[in-house]
Each structure stands twice: as C-alpha cells, then as structure tokens.
C-alpha cells in the first residue's frame, strides 16, 4: 500500500510541475538620437507572472554592461498593465555589488496607476552605471499578471 501511495504522490508532484509555468520578462532597447548623437536609451521590460507553482513570479533580469555602462539611470516608470500585479509589488535594480541604484524608490508599486520615479532626486544625482544591472521583483503572486517597467538612461 505504501508503494502505491508513494507512486501516486510522485506522479502528482511531477504533473504539478509540468503544468506550472515560470514567468517571463521580454526586454526591448530603443535609442533616441538627437543631432547625430545618441542622447537616450529606453529599455522596456514587459513582465508576465508565472502560473500555478510559479504564481506571479518572474525571473531576475540582467541588463548586460555592454549596453548600459557609462550611461546615467535617469528614470523608471512602472505600468501595471493587464490583469494587474499585486498591490505593493517591489522592484530593486542591483549593481554588481548588490546596491539598489534606485535607492528603494521602486518599492510598493501601485496595482492600477502608472508611476514615474525620477532617480536623480537624491543628493548624489543620477547614478552612473559602471556595469551590469539586475532587476529583481518580489511580492507579486498574481498568476499571469502583466506589467511593464520602462528604464530611461541618459548620456549626460
């Protein structure tokens, strides 16, 4: 009897993993050129929360140094999009040392309102990007929710 119970348990455990889908993040980079000089980079992350065992979660997303090094992170906009995420979901943008270059300003995002954060409001001005950045999102458990993060980088 124990063997049958164990076999049934294993089949159900494996089946639940098959139907669970991890969330996704699609990254798109746009460039703004003014008078022949690249003035801005806009990176859009479209996030879709996972389902079942991965409910609402998305993987950490790394923006490689070769596309953002030497730029200043100017602003971050969050748009709750379709089938909105949980209220007060959190975002941090970590540098290679694990420091949140957004200085905690992307915590407690709204579930129905687009919010814009100017990242140069602190004492030190806009953060200069010196390497890769990793976007980490937490406290979001709504399966299949869709939200968008738009990061704007400036050259000066």
C-alpha atoms as a PDB file:
ATOM      1  CA  UNK A   1       0.000   0.000   0.000  1.00  0.00           C
ATOM      2  CA  UNK A   2       2.826   2.405   0.866  1.00  0.00           C
ATOM      3  CA  UNK A   3       4.410   1.775  -2.541  1.00  0.00           C
ATOM      4  CA  UNK A   4       1.173   2.727  -4.326  1.00  0.00           C
ATOM      5  CA  UNK A   5       0.784   5.856  -2.213  1.00  0.00           C
ATOM      6  CA  UNK A   6       4.390   6.875  -2.931  1.00  0.00           C
ATOM      7  CA  UNK A   7       3.951   6.241  -6.674  1.00  0.00           C
ATOM      8  CA  UNK A   8       0.732   8.287  -6.748  1.00  0.00           C
ATOM      9  CA  UNK A   9       2.415  11.110  -4.812  1.00  0.00           C
ATOM     10  CA  UNK A  10       5.344  11.189  -7.258  1.00  0.00           C
ATOM     11  CA  UNK A  11       3.036  11.240 -10.292  1.00  0.00           C
ATOM     12  CA  UNK A  12       1.027  14.134  -8.840  1.00  0.00           C
ATOM     13  CA  UNK A  13       4.178  16.057  -7.878  1.00  0.00           C
ATOM     14  CA  UNK A  14       5.646  15.694 -11.358  1.00  0.00           C
ATOM     15  CA  UNK A  15       2.338  16.622 -13.017  1.00  0.00           C
ATOM     16  CA  UNK A  16       2.027  19.798 -10.946  1.00  0.00           C
ATOM     17  CA  UNK A  17       5.498  20.853 -12.090  1.00  0.00           C
ATOM     18  CA  UNK A  18       4.635  20.230 -15.741  1.00  0.00           C
ATOM     19  CA  UNK A  19       1.556  22.492 -15.620  1.00  0.00           C
ATOM     20  CA  UNK A  20       3.322  25.257 -13.689  1.00  0.00           C
ATOM     21  CA  UNK A  21       4.851  27.863 -15.958  1.00  0.00           C
ATOM     22  CA  UNK A  22       7.579  30.252 -14.954  1.00  0.00           C
ATOM     23  CA  UNK A  23       7.017  33.927 -15.596  1.00  0.00           C
ATOM     24  CA  UNK A  24       8.772  35.780 -18.399  1.00  0.00           C
ATOM     25  CA  UNK A  25      10.441  39.121 -18.970  1.00  0.00           C
ATOM     26  CA  UNK A  26      10.824  40.465 -22.509  1.00  0.00           C
ATOM     27  CA  UNK A  27      13.455  43.209 -22.855  1.00  0.00           C
ATOM     28  CA  UNK A  28      13.405  45.770 -25.684  1.00  0.00           C
ATOM     29  CA  UNK A  29      16.015  48.502 -26.151  1.00  0.00           C
ATOM     30  CA  UNK A  30      15.248  51.736 -28.013  1.00  0.00           C
ATOM     31  CA  UNK A  31      17.725  54.527 -28.767  1.00  0.00           C
ATOM     32  CA  UNK A  32      16.972  58.228 -29.123  1.00  0.00           C
ATOM     33  CA  UNK A  33      19.360  60.143 -31.390  1.00  0.00           C
ATOM     34  CA  UNK A  34      19.423  63.942 -31.307  1.00  0.00           C
ATOM     35  CA  UNK A  35      21.577  65.870 -33.794  1.00  0.00           C
ATOM     36  CA  UNK A  36      23.532  62.740 -34.685  1.00  0.00           C
ATOM     37  CA  UNK A  37      24.344  61.904 -31.069  1.00  0.00           C
ATOM     38  CA  UNK A  38      22.729  59.150 -29.041  1.00  0.00           C
ATOM     39  CA  UNK A  39      21.013  61.041 -26.212  1.00  0.00           C
ATOM     40  CA  UNK A  40      18.845  58.399 -24.528  1.00  0.00           C
ATOM     41  CA  UNK A  41      18.396  54.680 -24.199  1.00  0.00           C
ATOM     42  CA  UNK A  42      14.993  53.418 -23.224  1.00  0.00           C
ATOM     43  CA  UNK A  43      14.808  49.847 -22.018  1.00  0.00           C
ATOM     44  CA  UNK A  44      11.347  48.352 -21.660  1.00  0.00           C
ATOM     45  CA  UNK A  45      10.770  45.181 -19.651  1.00  0.00           C
ATOM     46  CA  UNK A  46       7.394  43.539 -20.231  1.00  0.00           C
ATOM     47  CA  UNK A  47       6.781  41.100 -17.384  1.00  0.00           C
ATOM     48  CA  UNK A  48       4.251  38.266 -17.279  1.00  0.00           C
ATOM     49  CA  UNK A  49       3.803  36.467 -13.979  1.00  0.00           C
ATOM     50  CA  UNK A  50       4.090  32.710 -13.854  1.00  0.00           C
ATOM     51  CA  UNK A  51       1.241  30.296 -13.178  1.00  0.00           C
ATOM     52  CA  UNK A  52       0.490  27.501 -10.695  1.00  0.00           C
ATOM     53  CA  UNK A  53       3.603  26.731  -8.613  1.00  0.00           C
ATOM     54  CA  UNK A  54       5.341  29.792 -10.099  1.00  0.00           C
ATOM     55  CA  UNK A  55       2.315  32.026  -9.450  1.00  0.00           C
ATOM     56  CA  UNK A  56       3.074  35.603 -10.353  1.00  0.00           C
ATOM     57  CA  UNK A  57       6.839  35.366 -10.212  1.00  0.00           C
ATOM     58  CA  UNK A  58       9.255  36.446 -12.916  1.00  0.00           C
ATOM     59  CA  UNK A  59      12.969  35.656 -13.172  1.00  0.00           C
ATOM     60  CA  UNK A  60      15.612  38.180 -12.215  1.00  0.00           C
ATOM     61  CA  UNK A  61      16.666  40.035 -15.357  1.00  0.00           C
ATOM     62  CA  UNK A  62      20.209  41.201 -16.028  1.00  0.00           C
ATOM     63  CA  UNK A  63      20.939  44.105 -18.345  1.00  0.00           C
ATOM     64  CA  UNK A  64      24.476  43.477 -19.625  1.00  0.00           C
ATOM     65  CA  UNK A  65      27.187  46.074 -19.099  1.00  0.00           C
ATOM     66  CA  UNK A  66      27.876  46.411 -22.823  1.00  0.00           C
ATOM     67  CA  UNK A  67      24.518  48.151 -23.408  1.00  0.00           C
ATOM     68  CA  UNK A  68      24.339  50.437 -20.326  1.00  0.00           C
ATOM     69  CA  UNK A  69      27.848  51.036 -18.957  1.00  0.00           C
ATOM     70  CA  UNK A  70      28.734  54.740 -18.929  1.00  0.00           C
ATOM     71  CA  UNK A  71      25.091  55.860 -19.026  1.00  0.00           C
ATOM     72  CA  UNK A  72      23.145  57.536 -16.217  1.00  0.00           C
ATOM     73  CA  UNK A  73      19.904  55.954 -14.989  1.00  0.00           C
ATOM     74  CA  UNK A  74      17.501  58.873 -15.304  1.00  0.00           C
ATOM     75  CA  UNK A  75      14.050  57.469 -14.529  1.00  0.00           C
ATOM     76  CA  UNK A  76      11.954  54.362 -14.031  1.00  0.00           C
ATOM     77  CA  UNK A  77       8.286  54.057 -14.903  1.00  0.00           C
ATOM     78  CA  UNK A  78       6.043  51.200 -13.814  1.00  0.00           C
ATOM     79  CA  UNK A  79       2.781  50.459 -15.578  1.00  0.00           C
ATOM     80  CA  UNK A  80       0.559  47.780 -14.029  1.00  0.00           C
ATOM     81  CA  UNK A  81      -0.819  46.744 -17.421  1.00  0.00           C
ATOM     82  CA  UNK A  82      -3.325  43.942 -17.966  1.00  0.00           C
ATOM     83  CA  UNK A  83      -4.599  41.592 -15.273  1.00  0.00           C
ATOM     84  CA  UNK A  84      -2.668  43.775 -12.855  1.00  0.00           C
ATOM     85  CA  UNK A  85       0.004  42.604 -10.445  1.00  0.00           C
ATOM     86  CA  UNK A  86      -0.458  42.576  -6.682  1.00  0.00           C
ATOM     87  CA  UNK A  87      -0.625  45.919  -4.947  1.00  0.00           C
ATOM     88  CA  UNK A  88       2.707  46.988  -3.495  1.00  0.00           C
ATOM     89  CA  UNK A  89       4.935  44.712  -5.578  1.00  0.00           C
ATOM     90  CA  UNK A  90       8.593  45.672  -5.212  1.00  0.00           C
ATOM     91  CA  UNK A  91      11.445  46.253  -7.657  1.00  0.00           C
ATOM     92  CA  UNK A  92      15.139  46.735  -6.983  1.00  0.00           C
ATOM     93  CA  UNK A  93      17.818  47.459  -9.571  1.00  0.00           C
ATOM     94  CA  UNK A  94      21.034  45.981  -8.232  1.00  0.00           C
ATOM     95  CA  UNK A  95      24.518  46.784  -9.466  1.00  0.00           C
ATOM     96  CA  UNK A  96      27.321  44.189  -9.378  1.00  0.00           C
ATOM     97  CA  UNK A  97      27.834  44.862  -5.650  1.00  0.00           C
ATOM     98  CA  UNK A  98      24.148  44.299  -4.841  1.00  0.00           C
ATOM     99  CA  UNK A  99      23.436  48.003  -4.263  1.00  0.00           C
ATOM    100  CA  UNK A 100      19.965  49.161  -5.318  1.00  0.00           C
ATOM    101  CA  UNK A 101      20.760  52.051  -7.689  1.00  0.00           C
ATOM    102  CA  UNK A 102      17.095  53.118  -7.422  1.00  0.00           C
ATOM    103  CA  UNK A 103      17.702  53.671  -3.697  1.00  0.00           C
ATOM    104  CA  UNK A 104      14.453  51.953  -2.659  1.00  0.00           C
ATOM    105  CA  UNK A 105      12.268  54.281  -4.728  1.00  0.00           C
ATOM    106  CA  UNK A 106      10.681  51.384  -6.655  1.00  0.00           C
ATOM    107  CA  UNK A 107       9.132  49.688  -3.637  1.00  0.00           C
ATOM    108  CA  UNK A 108       5.361  49.365  -3.202  1.00  0.00           C
ATOM    109  CA  UNK A 109       4.347  49.867  -6.842  1.00  0.00           C
ATOM    110  CA  UNK A 110       0.674  50.593  -7.459  1.00  0.00           C
ATOM    111  CA  UNK A 111      -1.700  47.984  -8.838  1.00  0.00           C
ATOM    112  CA  UNK A 112      -3.664  50.293 -11.166  1.00  0.00           C
ATOM    113  CA  UNK A 113      -1.736  53.551 -11.602  1.00  0.00           C
ATOM    114  CA  UNK A 114       1.322  54.189 -13.750  1.00  0.00           C
ATOM    115  CA  UNK A 115       4.082  55.667 -11.580  1.00  0.00           C
ATOM    116  CA  UNK A 116       7.231  57.550 -12.635  1.00  0.00           C
ATOM    117  CA  UNK A 117      10.304  57.862 -10.429  1.00  0.00           C
ATOM    118  CA  UNK A 118      12.977  60.462 -11.183  1.00  0.00           C
ATOM    119  CA  UNK A 119      16.155  58.750  -9.980  1.00  0.00           C
ATOM    120  CA  UNK A 120      18.229  61.933  -9.754  1.00  0.00           C
ATOM    121  CA  UNK A 121      16.353  63.390  -6.826  1.00  0.00           C
ATOM    122  CA  UNK A 122      18.899  62.173  -4.295  1.00  0.00           C
ATOM    123  CA  UNK A 123      21.915  64.066  -3.010  1.00  0.00           C
ATOM    124  CA  UNK A 124      24.296  62.418  -5.479  1.00  0.00           C
ATOM    125  CA  UNK A 125      22.379  62.989  -8.707  1.00  0.00           C
ATOM    126  CA  UNK A 126      21.682  60.354 -11.328  1.00  0.00           C
ATOM    127  CA  UNK A 127      23.507  57.057 -10.797  1.00  0.00           C
ATOM    128  CA  UNK A 128      26.324  56.416 -13.269  1.00  0.00           C
ATOM    129  CA  UNK A 129      26.141  52.830 -14.465  1.00  0.00           C
ATOM    130  CA  UNK A 130      29.510  51.088 -14.246  1.00  0.00           C
ATOM    131  CA  UNK A 131      28.498  47.522 -15.120  1.00  0.00           C
ATOM    132  CA  UNK A 132      25.590  45.130 -15.455  1.00  0.00           C
ATOM    133  CA  UNK A 133      22.341  45.733 -13.588  1.00  0.00           C
ATOM    134  CA  UNK A 134      19.997  43.053 -12.273  1.00  0.00           C
ATOM    135  CA  UNK A 135      16.303  43.808 -11.900  1.00  0.00           C
ATOM    136  CA  UNK A 136      14.758  41.823  -9.036  1.00  0.00           C
ATOM    137  CA  UNK A 137      10.992  41.798  -8.493  1.00  0.00           C
ATOM    138  CA  UNK A 138       9.267  40.496  -5.370  1.00  0.00           C
ATOM    139  CA  UNK A 139       5.878  40.414  -3.628  1.00  0.00           C
ATOM    140  CA  UNK A 140       3.951  39.665  -6.811  1.00  0.00           C
ATOM    141  CA  UNK A 141       1.876  36.471  -6.760  1.00  0.00           C
ATOM    142  CA  UNK A 142      -0.945  37.099  -9.241  1.00  0.00           C
ATOM    143  CA  UNK A 143      -0.723  34.369 -11.867  1.00  0.00           C
ATOM    144  CA  UNK A 144      -0.462  35.635 -15.459  1.00  0.00           C
ATOM    145  CA  UNK A 145      -0.416  39.310 -14.402  1.00  0.00           C
ATOM    146  CA  UNK A 146       1.256  41.612 -16.918  1.00  0.00           C
ATOM    147  CA  UNK A 147       3.165  44.786 -16.058  1.00  0.00           C
ATOM    148  CA  UNK A 148       5.755  46.985 -17.763  1.00  0.00           C
ATOM    149  CA  UNK A 149       8.899  48.650 -16.428  1.00  0.00           C
ATOM    150  CA  UNK A 150      10.481  51.388 -18.545  1.00  0.00           C
ATOM    151  CA  UNK A 151      14.017  52.492 -17.678  1.00  0.00           C
ATOM    152  CA  UNK A 152      15.413  55.654 -19.252  1.00  0.00           C
ATOM    153  CA  UNK A 153      19.178  56.177 -19.442  1.00  0.00           C
ATOM    154  CA  UNK A 154      20.802  59.456 -20.495  1.00  0.00           C
ATOM    155  CA  UNK A 155      24.325  60.122 -21.718  1.00  0.00           C
ATOM    156  CA  UNK A 156      24.949  63.321 -19.759  1.00  0.00           C
END
